[in-house]
């Protein structure tokens, strides 16, 4: 189980500009940079656009990878947009971090 946080997106590592209402996620820089096929150009990383399902306390959300999280301590921690994190917890701004997130590629 892993940690989930939220962030305000913009121009992500995948080269796409996203907003708070988008269902996207940033994966840890470790996972992003070591994903099979990763190149020195982060915009060309094959992890970009890959979808995953994250689950927390019986609630789940499907998100696409569009960014890398510089502050994620664990290799499999995730940084969600507010809209995506709202699918997992009520009032994510007040909650801040959620411990025990499970996720898998879809």
PDB file of N, CA and C in Angstrom:
ATOM      1  N   UNK A   1       0.845  -1.178   0.000  1.00  0.00           N
ATOM      2  CA  UNK A   1       0.000   0.000   0.000  1.00  0.00           C
ATOM      3  C   UNK A   1       0.889   1.240   0.000  1.00  0.00           C
ATOM      4  N   UNK A   2       0.358   2.276  -0.602  1.00  0.00           N
ATOM      5  CA  UNK A   2       1.186   3.436  -0.880  1.00  0.00           C
ATOM      6  C   UNK A   2       0.501   4.721  -0.430  1.00  0.00           C
ATOM      7  N   UNK A   3       1.217   5.845  -0.575  1.00  0.00           N
ATOM      8  CA  UNK A   3       0.717   7.151  -0.161  1.00  0.00           C
ATOM      9  C   UNK A   3       0.158   7.881  -1.374  1.00  0.00           C
ATOM     10  N   UNK A   4      -0.964   8.561  -1.165  1.00  0.00           N
ATOM     11  CA  UNK A   4      -1.543   9.414  -2.188  1.00  0.00           C
ATOM     12  C   UNK A   4      -1.581  10.847  -1.696  1.00  0.00           C
ATOM     13  N   UNK A   5      -1.239  11.776  -2.563  1.00  0.00           N
ATOM     14  CA  UNK A   5      -1.304  13.201  -2.260  1.00  0.00           C
ATOM     15  C   UNK A   5      -1.984  13.883  -3.442  1.00  0.00           C
ATOM     16  N   UNK A   6      -2.165  15.196  -3.346  1.00  0.00           N
ATOM     17  CA  UNK A   6      -2.748  15.931  -4.469  1.00  0.00           C
ATOM     18  C   UNK A   6      -1.835  17.095  -4.837  1.00  0.00           C
ATOM     19  N   UNK A   7      -1.974  17.540  -6.075  1.00  0.00           N
ATOM     20  CA  UNK A   7      -1.194  18.687  -6.542  1.00  0.00           C
ATOM     21  C   UNK A   7      -1.995  19.462  -7.573  1.00  0.00           C
ATOM     22  N   UNK A   8      -1.513  20.654  -7.890  1.00  0.00           N
ATOM     23  CA  UNK A   8      -2.110  21.469  -8.933  1.00  0.00           C
ATOM     24  C   UNK A   8      -1.286  21.262 -10.197  1.00  0.00           C
ATOM     25  N   UNK A   9      -1.864  20.640 -11.207  1.00  0.00           N
ATOM     26  CA  UNK A   9      -1.094  20.349 -12.419  1.00  0.00           C
ATOM     27  C   UNK A   9      -0.929  21.577 -13.304  1.00  0.00           C
ATOM     28  N   UNK A  10      -0.095  21.434 -14.272  1.00  0.00           N
ATOM     29  CA  UNK A  10       0.152  22.435 -15.303  1.00  0.00           C
ATOM     30  C   UNK A  10       0.759  21.685 -16.467  1.00  0.00           C
ATOM     31  N   UNK A  11       1.872  22.196 -16.980  1.00  0.00           N
ATOM     32  CA  UNK A  11       2.598  21.483 -18.023  1.00  0.00           C
ATOM     33  C   UNK A  11       3.369  20.358 -17.355  1.00  0.00           C
ATOM     34  N   UNK A  12       2.990  19.121 -17.640  1.00  0.00           N
ATOM     35  CA  UNK A  12       3.589  17.967 -16.984  1.00  0.00           C
ATOM     36  C   UNK A  12       4.803  17.424 -17.711  1.00  0.00           C
ATOM     37  N   UNK A  13       5.449  16.467 -17.085  1.00  0.00           N
ATOM     38  CA  UNK A  13       6.653  15.848 -17.641  1.00  0.00           C
ATOM     39  C   UNK A  13       6.383  15.178 -18.987  1.00  0.00           C
ATOM     40  N   UNK A  14       5.135  14.808 -19.237  1.00  0.00           N
ATOM     41  CA  UNK A  14       4.786  14.164 -20.506  1.00  0.00           C
ATOM     42  C   UNK A  14       4.589  15.179 -21.631  1.00  0.00           C
ATOM     43  N   UNK A  15       4.693  16.477 -21.305  1.00  0.00           N
ATOM     44  CA  UNK A  15       4.563  17.507 -22.321  1.00  0.00           C
ATOM     45  C   UNK A  15       3.142  17.949 -22.584  1.00  0.00           C
ATOM     46  N   UNK A  16       2.211  17.579 -21.700  1.00  0.00           N
ATOM     47  CA  UNK A  16       0.796  17.913 -21.847  1.00  0.00           C
ATOM     48  C   UNK A  16       0.397  18.851 -20.711  1.00  0.00           C
ATOM     49  N   UNK A  17      -0.382  19.886 -21.037  1.00  0.00           N
ATOM     50  CA  UNK A  17      -0.895  20.786 -20.007  1.00  0.00           C
ATOM     51  C   UNK A  17      -2.241  20.266 -19.531  1.00  0.00           C
ATOM     52  N   UNK A  18      -2.369  20.073 -18.226  1.00  0.00           N
ATOM     53  CA  UNK A  18      -3.599  19.575 -17.617  1.00  0.00           C
ATOM     54  C   UNK A  18      -4.075  20.537 -16.546  1.00  0.00           C
ATOM     55  N   UNK A  19      -5.349  20.396 -16.179  1.00  0.00           N
ATOM     56  CA  UNK A  19      -5.934  21.235 -15.142  1.00  0.00           C
ATOM     57  C   UNK A  19      -6.426  20.408 -13.968  1.00  0.00           C
ATOM     58  N   UNK A  20      -6.912  21.097 -12.945  1.00  0.00           N
ATOM     59  CA  UNK A  20      -7.364  20.440 -11.714  1.00  0.00           C
ATOM     60  C   UNK A  20      -8.538  19.500 -11.927  1.00  0.00           C
ATOM     61  N   UNK A  21      -9.329  19.718 -12.981  1.00  0.00           N
ATOM     62  CA  UNK A  21     -10.507  18.882 -13.228  1.00  0.00           C
ATOM     63  C   UNK A  21     -10.167  17.601 -13.991  1.00  0.00           C
ATOM     64  N   UNK A  22      -8.945  17.497 -14.481  1.00  0.00           N
ATOM     65  CA  UNK A  22      -8.542  16.314 -15.248  1.00  0.00           C
ATOM     66  C   UNK A  22      -8.234  15.143 -14.322  1.00  0.00           C
ATOM     67  N   UNK A  23      -8.558  13.962 -14.779  1.00  0.00           N
ATOM     68  CA  UNK A  23      -8.283  12.744 -14.010  1.00  0.00           C
ATOM     69  C   UNK A  23      -6.910  12.210 -14.423  1.00  0.00           C
ATOM     70  N   UNK A  24      -5.902  12.841 -13.844  1.00  0.00           N
ATOM     71  CA  UNK A  24      -4.528  12.449 -14.134  1.00  0.00           C
ATOM     72  C   UNK A  24      -3.782  12.232 -12.827  1.00  0.00           C
ATOM     73  N   UNK A  25      -2.583  11.683 -12.971  1.00  0.00           N
ATOM     74  CA  UNK A  25      -1.757  11.404 -11.804  1.00  0.00           C
ATOM     75  C   UNK A  25      -0.295  11.616 -12.183  1.00  0.00           C
ATOM     76  N   UNK A  26       0.482  12.007 -11.187  1.00  0.00           N
ATOM     77  CA  UNK A  26       1.936  12.046 -11.321  1.00  0.00           C
ATOM     78  C   UNK A  26       2.482  10.860 -10.540  1.00  0.00           C
ATOM     79  N   UNK A  27       3.353  10.091 -11.168  1.00  0.00           N
ATOM     80  CA  UNK A  27       3.999   8.974 -10.474  1.00  0.00           C
ATOM     81  C   UNK A  27       5.353   9.459  -9.960  1.00  0.00           C
ATOM     82  N   UNK A  28       5.919   8.725  -9.034  1.00  0.00           N
ATOM     83  CA  UNK A  28       7.208   9.129  -8.466  1.00  0.00           C
ATOM     84  C   UNK A  28       8.262   9.265  -9.563  1.00  0.00           C
ATOM     85  N   UNK A  29       9.210  10.142  -9.332  1.00  0.00           N
ATOM     86  CA  UNK A  29      10.274  10.313 -10.332  1.00  0.00           C
ATOM     87  C   UNK A  29      11.047   9.017 -10.528  1.00  0.00           C
ATOM     88  N   UNK A  30      11.157   8.207  -9.464  1.00  0.00           N
ATOM     89  CA  UNK A  30      11.856   6.928  -9.588  1.00  0.00           C
ATOM     90  C   UNK A  30      11.140   6.017 -10.577  1.00  0.00           C
ATOM     91  N   UNK A  31       9.821   5.872 -10.411  1.00  0.00           N
ATOM     92  CA  UNK A  31       9.053   5.027 -11.324  1.00  0.00           C
ATOM     93  C   UNK A  31       9.075   5.610 -12.733  1.00  0.00           C
ATOM     94  N   UNK A  32       8.882   6.917 -12.843  1.00  0.00           N
ATOM     95  CA  UNK A  32       8.854   7.585 -14.144  1.00  0.00           C
ATOM     96  C   UNK A  32      10.170   7.372 -14.894  1.00  0.00           C
ATOM     97  N   UNK A  33      11.277   7.614 -14.206  1.00  0.00           N
ATOM     98  CA  UNK A  33      12.583   7.576 -14.868  1.00  0.00           C
ATOM     99  C   UNK A  33      13.096   6.167 -15.151  1.00  0.00           C
ATOM    100  N   UNK A  34      12.560   5.164 -14.449  1.00  0.00           N
ATOM    101  CA  UNK A  34      13.032   3.789 -14.655  1.00  0.00           C
ATOM    102  C   UNK A  34      12.015   2.922 -15.396  1.00  0.00           C
ATOM    103  N   UNK A  35      10.915   3.526 -15.838  1.00  0.00           N
ATOM    104  CA  UNK A  35       9.907   2.770 -16.568  1.00  0.00           C
ATOM    105  C   UNK A  35      10.538   2.216 -17.849  1.00  0.00           C
ATOM    106  N   UNK A  36      10.254   0.964 -18.198  1.00  0.00           N
ATOM    107  CA  UNK A  36      10.859   0.369 -19.401  1.00  0.00           C
ATOM    108  C   UNK A  36      10.627   1.225 -20.646  1.00  0.00           C
ATOM    109  N   UNK A  37      11.704   1.536 -21.332  1.00  0.00           N
ATOM    110  CA  UNK A  37      11.633   2.347 -22.539  1.00  0.00           C
ATOM    111  C   UNK A  37      11.820   3.829 -22.301  1.00  0.00           C
ATOM    112  N   UNK A  38      12.003   4.243 -21.035  1.00  0.00           N
ATOM    113  CA  UNK A  38      12.199   5.661 -20.725  1.00  0.00           C
ATOM    114  C   UNK A  38      13.426   6.186 -21.467  1.00  0.00           C
ATOM    115  N   UNK A  39      13.312   7.410 -21.968  1.00  0.00           N
ATOM    116  CA  UNK A  39      14.404   8.049 -22.702  1.00  0.00           C
ATOM    117  C   UNK A  39      14.812   9.326 -21.973  1.00  0.00           C
ATOM    118  N   UNK A  40      15.913   9.952 -22.375  1.00  0.00           N
ATOM    119  CA  UNK A  40      16.293  11.229 -21.762  1.00  0.00           C
ATOM    120  C   UNK A  40      15.238  12.325 -21.967  1.00  0.00           C
ATOM    121  N   UNK A  41      14.425  12.203 -23.018  1.00  0.00           N
ATOM    122  CA  UNK A  41      13.348  13.167 -23.253  1.00  0.00           C
ATOM    123  C   UNK A  41      12.106  12.678 -22.513  1.00  0.00           C
ATOM    124  N   UNK A  42      11.717  13.337 -21.410  1.00  0.00           N
ATOM    125  CA  UNK A  42      10.581  12.852 -20.621  1.00  0.00           C
ATOM    126  C   UNK A  42       9.267  12.832 -21.393  1.00  0.00           C
ATOM    127  N   UNK A  43       9.145  13.673 -22.420  1.00  0.00           N
ATOM    128  CA  UNK A  43       7.915  13.708 -23.218  1.00  0.00           C
ATOM    129  C   UNK A  43       7.694  12.419 -23.991  1.00  0.00           C
ATOM    130  N   UNK A  44       8.757  11.650 -24.198  1.00  0.00           N
ATOM    131  CA  UNK A  44       8.667  10.420 -24.987  1.00  0.00           C
ATOM    132  C   UNK A  44       8.588   9.165 -24.128  1.00  0.00           C
ATOM    133  N   UNK A  45       8.435   9.324 -22.827  1.00  0.00           N
ATOM    134  CA  UNK A  45       8.386   8.173 -21.929  1.00  0.00           C
ATOM    135  C   UNK A  45       7.121   7.357 -22.213  1.00  0.00           C
ATOM    136  N   UNK A  46       7.251   6.053 -22.416  1.00  0.00           N
ATOM    137  CA  UNK A  46       6.075   5.228 -22.700  1.00  0.00           C
ATOM    138  C   UNK A  46       5.095   5.117 -21.534  1.00  0.00           C
ATOM    139  N   UNK A  47       5.458   5.596 -20.356  1.00  0.00           N
ATOM    140  CA  UNK A  47       4.519   5.602 -19.231  1.00  0.00           C
ATOM    141  C   UNK A  47       3.435   6.666 -19.436  1.00  0.00           C
ATOM    142  N   UNK A  48       3.743   7.672 -20.256  1.00  0.00           N
ATOM    143  CA  UNK A  48       2.804   8.774 -20.487  1.00  0.00           C
ATOM    144  C   UNK A  48       1.508   8.261 -21.114  1.00  0.00           C
ATOM    145  N   UNK A  49       0.399   8.631 -20.498  1.00  0.00           N
ATOM    146  CA  UNK A  49      -0.915   8.225 -20.983  1.00  0.00           C
ATOM    147  C   UNK A  49      -1.380   6.876 -20.483  1.00  0.00           C
ATOM    148  N   UNK A  50      -0.476   6.115 -19.859  1.00  0.00           N
ATOM    149  CA  UNK A  50      -0.872   4.812 -19.316  1.00  0.00           C
ATOM    150  C   UNK A  50      -1.888   5.020 -18.208  1.00  0.00           C
ATOM    151  N   UNK A  51      -2.881   4.143 -18.152  1.00  0.00           N
ATOM    152  CA  UNK A  51      -3.938   4.284 -17.148  1.00  0.00           C
ATOM    153  C   UNK A  51      -3.744   3.311 -16.000  1.00  0.00           C
ATOM    154  N   UNK A  52      -4.179   3.773 -14.843  1.00  0.00           N
ATOM    155  CA  UNK A  52      -4.149   2.928 -13.659  1.00  0.00           C
ATOM    156  C   UNK A  52      -5.420   3.147 -12.853  1.00  0.00           C
ATOM    157  N   UNK A  53      -5.756   2.157 -12.058  1.00  0.00           N
ATOM    158  CA  UNK A  53      -6.894   2.259 -11.146  1.00  0.00           C
ATOM    159  C   UNK A  53      -6.329   2.320  -9.735  1.00  0.00           C
ATOM    160  N   UNK A  54      -6.659   3.397  -9.030  1.00  0.00           N
ATOM    161  CA  UNK A  54      -6.245   3.562  -7.637  1.00  0.00           C
ATOM    162  C   UNK A  54      -7.457   3.335  -6.748  1.00  0.00           C
ATOM    163  N   UNK A  55      -7.239   2.658  -5.625  1.00  0.00           N
ATOM    164  CA  UNK A  55      -8.320   2.332  -4.697  1.00  0.00           C
ATOM    165  C   UNK A  55      -7.911   2.724  -3.286  1.00  0.00           C
ATOM    166  N   UNK A  56      -8.893   3.276  -2.557  1.00  0.00           N
ATOM    167  CA  UNK A  56      -8.670   3.653  -1.162  1.00  0.00           C
ATOM    168  C   UNK A  56      -9.994   3.528  -0.415  1.00  0.00           C
ATOM    169  N   UNK A  57     -10.004   2.753   0.639  1.00  0.00           N
ATOM    170  CA  UNK A  57     -11.205   2.574   1.474  1.00  0.00           C
ATOM    171  C   UNK A  57     -12.457   2.248   0.664  1.00  0.00           C
ATOM    172  N   UNK A  58     -12.319   1.372  -0.325  1.00  0.00           N
ATOM    173  CA  UNK A  58     -13.466   0.934  -1.106  1.00  0.00           C
ATOM    174  C   UNK A  58     -13.866   1.860  -2.236  1.00  0.00           C
ATOM    175  N   UNK A  59     -13.190   2.979  -2.384  1.00  0.00           N
ATOM    176  CA  UNK A  59     -13.475   3.919  -3.474  1.00  0.00           C
ATOM    177  C   UNK A  59     -12.339   3.842  -4.482  1.00  0.00           C
ATOM    178  N   UNK A  60     -12.661   4.030  -5.761  1.00  0.00           N
ATOM    179  CA  UNK A  60     -11.604   3.938  -6.767  1.00  0.00           C
ATOM    180  C   UNK A  60     -11.762   5.005  -7.844  1.00  0.00           C
ATOM    181  N   UNK A  61     -10.678   5.220  -8.560  1.00  0.00           N
ATOM    182  CA  UNK A  61     -10.650   6.186  -9.654  1.00  0.00           C
ATOM    183  C   UNK A  61      -9.665   5.674 -10.704  1.00  0.00           C
ATOM    184  N   UNK A  62      -9.997   5.928 -11.967  1.00  0.00           N
ATOM    185  CA  UNK A  62      -9.094   5.609 -13.075  1.00  0.00           C
ATOM    186  C   UNK A  62      -8.459   6.921 -13.528  1.00  0.00           C
ATOM    187  N   UNK A  63      -7.136   6.918 -13.610  1.00  0.00           N
ATOM    188  CA  UNK A  63      -6.392   8.117 -13.989  1.00  0.00           C
ATOM    189  C   UNK A  63      -5.327   7.757 -15.020  1.00  0.00           C
ATOM    190  N   UNK A  64      -4.891   8.761 -15.758  1.00  0.00           N
ATOM    191  CA  UNK A  64      -3.810   8.588 -16.731  1.00  0.00           C
ATOM    192  C   UNK A  64      -2.547   9.248 -16.193  1.00  0.00           C
ATOM    193  N   UNK A  65      -1.417   8.626 -16.422  1.00  0.00           N
ATOM    194  CA  UNK A  65      -0.131   9.199 -16.013  1.00  0.00           C
ATOM    195  C   UNK A  65       0.232  10.312 -16.989  1.00  0.00           C
ATOM    196  N   UNK A  66       0.432  11.522 -16.460  1.00  0.00           N
ATOM    197  CA  UNK A  66       0.803  12.665 -17.294  1.00  0.00           C
ATOM    198  C   UNK A  66       1.961  13.466 -16.713  1.00  0.00           C
ATOM    199  N   UNK A  67       2.490  13.029 -15.563  1.00  0.00           N
ATOM    200  CA  UNK A  67       3.510  13.849 -14.904  1.00  0.00           C
ATOM    201  C   UNK A  67       4.351  12.989 -13.978  1.00  0.00           C
ATOM    202  N   UNK A  68       5.436  13.584 -13.486  1.00  0.00           N
ATOM    203  CA  UNK A  68       6.271  12.919 -12.488  1.00  0.00           C
ATOM    204  C   UNK A  68       6.223  13.726 -11.205  1.00  0.00           C
ATOM    205  N   UNK A  69       6.215  13.030 -10.091  1.00  0.00           N
ATOM    206  CA  UNK A  69       6.119  13.639  -8.762  1.00  0.00           C
ATOM    207  C   UNK A  69       7.518  13.704  -8.151  1.00  0.00           C
ATOM    208  N   UNK A  70       8.009  14.905  -7.964  1.00  0.00           N
ATOM    209  CA  UNK A  70       9.348  15.090  -7.400  1.00  0.00           C
ATOM    210  C   UNK A  70       9.368  14.863  -5.896  1.00  0.00           C
ATOM    211  N   UNK A  71       8.236  15.040  -5.233  1.00  0.00           N
ATOM    212  CA  UNK A  71       8.192  14.932  -3.770  1.00  0.00           C
ATOM    213  C   UNK A  71       7.670  13.592  -3.267  1.00  0.00           C
ATOM    214  N   UNK A  72       7.320  12.691  -4.156  1.00  0.00           N
ATOM    215  CA  UNK A  72       6.839  11.375  -3.725  1.00  0.00           C
ATOM    216  C   UNK A  72       8.021  10.567  -3.190  1.00  0.00           C
ATOM    217  N   UNK A  73       7.950  10.196  -1.926  1.00  0.00           N
ATOM    218  CA  UNK A  73       9.068   9.499  -1.280  1.00  0.00           C
ATOM    219  C   UNK A  73       9.161   8.038  -1.706  1.00  0.00           C
ATOM    220  N   UNK A  74       8.015   7.391  -1.844  1.00  0.00           N
ATOM    221  CA  UNK A  74       8.000   5.977  -2.210  1.00  0.00           C
ATOM    222  C   UNK A  74       7.926   5.792  -3.713  1.00  0.00           C
ATOM    223  N   UNK A  75       8.536   4.755  -4.208  1.00  0.00           N
ATOM    224  CA  UNK A  75       8.552   4.478  -5.646  1.00  0.00           C
ATOM    225  C   UNK A  75       7.151   4.395  -6.232  1.00  0.00           C
ATOM    226  N   UNK A  76       6.190   3.868  -5.478  1.00  0.00           N
ATOM    227  CA  UNK A  76       4.840   3.655  -6.006  1.00  0.00           C
ATOM    228  C   UNK A  76       3.805   4.614  -5.421  1.00  0.00           C
ATOM    229  N   UNK A  77       4.259   5.710  -4.805  1.00  0.00           N
ATOM    230  CA  UNK A  77       3.343   6.740  -4.325  1.00  0.00           C
ATOM    231  C   UNK A  77       2.796   7.516  -5.520  1.00  0.00           C
ATOM    232  N   UNK A  78       1.616   8.114  -5.341  1.00  0.00           N
ATOM    233  CA  UNK A  78       0.939   8.823  -6.425  1.00  0.00           C
ATOM    234  C   UNK A  78       0.540  10.224  -5.992  1.00  0.00           C
ATOM    235  N   UNK A  79       0.561  11.160  -6.936  1.00  0.00           N
ATOM    236  CA  UNK A  79       0.145  12.537  -6.719  1.00  0.00           C
ATOM    237  C   UNK A  79      -1.013  12.810  -7.683  1.00  0.00           C
ATOM    238  N   UNK A  80      -2.218  12.982  -7.138  1.00  0.00           N
ATOM    239  CA  UNK A  80      -3.441  13.122  -7.930  1.00  0.00           C
ATOM    240  C   UNK A  80      -3.822  14.580  -8.131  1.00  0.00           C
ATOM    241  N   UNK A  81      -4.609  14.843  -9.173  1.00  0.00           N
ATOM    242  CA  UNK A  81      -5.288  16.132  -9.261  1.00  0.00           C
ATOM    243  C   UNK A  81      -6.391  16.131  -8.202  1.00  0.00           C
ATOM    244  N   UNK A  82      -6.882  17.318  -7.869  1.00  0.00           N
ATOM    245  CA  UNK A  82      -7.966  17.428  -6.887  1.00  0.00           C
ATOM    246  C   UNK A  82      -9.174  16.612  -7.336  1.00  0.00           C
ATOM    247  N   UNK A  83      -9.553  16.737  -8.614  1.00  0.00           N
ATOM    248  CA  UNK A  83     -10.731  16.016  -9.114  1.00  0.00           C
ATOM    249  C   UNK A  83     -10.578  14.515  -8.940  1.00  0.00           C
ATOM    250  N   UNK A  84      -9.397  14.002  -9.226  1.00  0.00           N
ATOM    251  CA  UNK A  84      -9.171  12.563  -9.085  1.00  0.00           C
ATOM    252  C   UNK A  84      -9.177  12.148  -7.622  1.00  0.00           C
ATOM    253  N   UNK A  85      -8.531  12.940  -6.773  1.00  0.00           N
ATOM    254  CA  UNK A  85      -8.461  12.570  -5.356  1.00  0.00           C
ATOM    255  C   UNK A  85      -9.833  12.663  -4.684  1.00  0.00           C
ATOM    256  N   UNK A  86     -10.697  13.546  -5.190  1.00  0.00           N
ATOM    257  CA  UNK A  86     -12.060  13.640  -4.643  1.00  0.00           C
ATOM    258  C   UNK A  86     -12.840  12.349  -4.838  1.00  0.00           C
ATOM    259  N   UNK A  87     -12.421  11.526  -5.784  1.00  0.00           N
ATOM    260  CA  UNK A  87     -13.078  10.235  -5.979  1.00  0.00           C
ATOM    261  C   UNK A  87     -12.666   9.234  -4.900  1.00  0.00           C
ATOM    262  N   UNK A  88     -11.565   9.518  -4.220  1.00  0.00           N
ATOM    263  CA  UNK A  88     -11.056   8.616  -3.183  1.00  0.00           C
ATOM    264  C   UNK A  88     -11.401   9.072  -1.773  1.00  0.00           C
ATOM    265  N   UNK A  89     -11.436  10.380  -1.547  1.00  0.00           N
ATOM    266  CA  UNK A  89     -11.741  10.931  -0.215  1.00  0.00           C
ATOM    267  C   UNK A  89     -12.567  12.196  -0.364  1.00  0.00           C
ATOM    268  N   UNK A  90     -13.362  12.477   0.652  1.00  0.00           N
ATOM    269  CA  UNK A  90     -14.075  13.744   0.707  1.00  0.00           C
ATOM    270  C   UNK A  90     -13.097  14.807   1.197  1.00  0.00           C
ATOM    271  N   UNK A  91     -13.151  15.981   0.599  1.00  0.00           N
ATOM    272  CA  UNK A  91     -12.335  17.126   0.987  1.00  0.00           C
ATOM    273  C   UNK A  91     -10.837  16.812   1.023  1.00  0.00           C
ATOM    274  N   UNK A  92     -10.244  16.516  -0.126  1.00  0.00           N
ATOM    275  CA  UNK A  92      -8.826  16.163  -0.158  1.00  0.00           C
ATOM    276  C   UNK A  92      -7.898  17.255   0.361  1.00  0.00           C
ATOM    277  N   UNK A  93      -8.313  18.517   0.248  1.00  0.00           N
ATOM    278  CA  UNK A  93      -7.466  19.599   0.745  1.00  0.00           C
ATOM    279  C   UNK A  93      -7.289  19.485   2.254  1.00  0.00           C
ATOM    280  N   UNK A  94      -8.359  19.156   2.958  1.00  0.00           N
ATOM    281  CA  UNK A  94      -8.276  18.995   4.414  1.00  0.00           C
ATOM    282  C   UNK A  94      -7.530  17.720   4.789  1.00  0.00           C
ATOM    283  N   UNK A  95      -7.708  16.671   4.005  1.00  0.00           N
ATOM    284  CA  UNK A  95      -7.073  15.382   4.301  1.00  0.00           C
ATOM    285  C   UNK A  95      -5.576  15.435   3.998  1.00  0.00           C
ATOM    286  N   UNK A  96      -5.212  15.994   2.861  1.00  0.00           N
ATOM    287  CA  UNK A  96      -3.806  16.139   2.485  1.00  0.00           C
ATOM    288  C   UNK A  96      -3.177  14.869   1.955  1.00  0.00           C
ATOM    289  N   UNK A  97      -2.894  13.931   2.826  1.00  0.00           N
ATOM    290  CA  UNK A  97      -2.262  12.658   2.456  1.00  0.00           C
ATOM    291  C   UNK A  97      -3.165  11.509   2.829  1.00  0.00           C
ATOM    292  N   UNK A  98      -3.190  10.506   1.967  1.00  0.00           N
ATOM    293  CA  UNK A  98      -3.907   9.285   2.314  1.00  0.00           C
ATOM    294  C   UNK A  98      -2.919   8.126   2.284  1.00  0.00           C
ATOM    295  N   UNK A  99      -2.943   7.365   3.335  1.00  0.00           N
ATOM    296  CA  UNK A  99      -2.037   6.229   3.486  1.00  0.00           C
ATOM    297  C   UNK A  99      -2.814   4.945   3.234  1.00  0.00           C
ATOM    298  N   UNK A 100      -2.262   4.061   2.445  1.00  0.00           N
ATOM    299  CA  UNK A 100      -2.923   2.796   2.163  1.00  0.00           C
ATOM    300  C   UNK A 100      -3.574   2.735   0.804  1.00  0.00           C
ATOM    301  N   UNK A 101      -3.128   3.576  -0.125  1.00  0.00           N
ATOM    302  CA  UNK A 101      -3.638   3.533  -1.492  1.00  0.00           C
ATOM    303  C   UNK A 101      -3.092   2.276  -2.177  1.00  0.00           C
ATOM    304  N   UNK A 102      -3.966   1.590  -2.878  1.00  0.00           N
ATOM    305  CA  UNK A 102      -3.556   0.460  -3.709  1.00  0.00           C
ATOM    306  C   UNK A 102      -3.813   0.848  -5.154  1.00  0.00           C
ATOM    307  N   UNK A 103      -2.968   0.383  -6.052  1.00  0.00           N
ATOM    308  CA  UNK A 103      -3.217   0.684  -7.460  1.00  0.00           C
ATOM    309  C   UNK A 103      -2.620  -0.385  -8.358  1.00  0.00           C
ATOM    310  N   UNK A 104      -3.164  -0.427  -9.598  1.00  0.00           N
ATOM    311  CA  UNK A 104      -2.658  -1.367 -10.597  1.00  0.00           C
ATOM    312  C   UNK A 104      -2.878  -0.780 -11.987  1.00  0.00           C
ATOM    313  N   UNK A 105      -2.030  -1.173 -12.905  1.00  0.00           N
ATOM    314  CA  UNK A 105      -2.169  -0.748 -14.299  1.00  0.00           C
ATOM    315  C   UNK A 105      -3.410  -1.396 -14.908  1.00  0.00           C
ATOM    316  N   UNK A 106      -4.070  -0.671 -15.800  1.00  0.00           N
ATOM    317  CA  UNK A 106      -5.216  -1.249 -16.514  1.00  0.00           C
ATOM    318  C   UNK A 106      -5.009  -1.102 -18.017  1.00  0.00           C
TER     319      UNK A 106
END
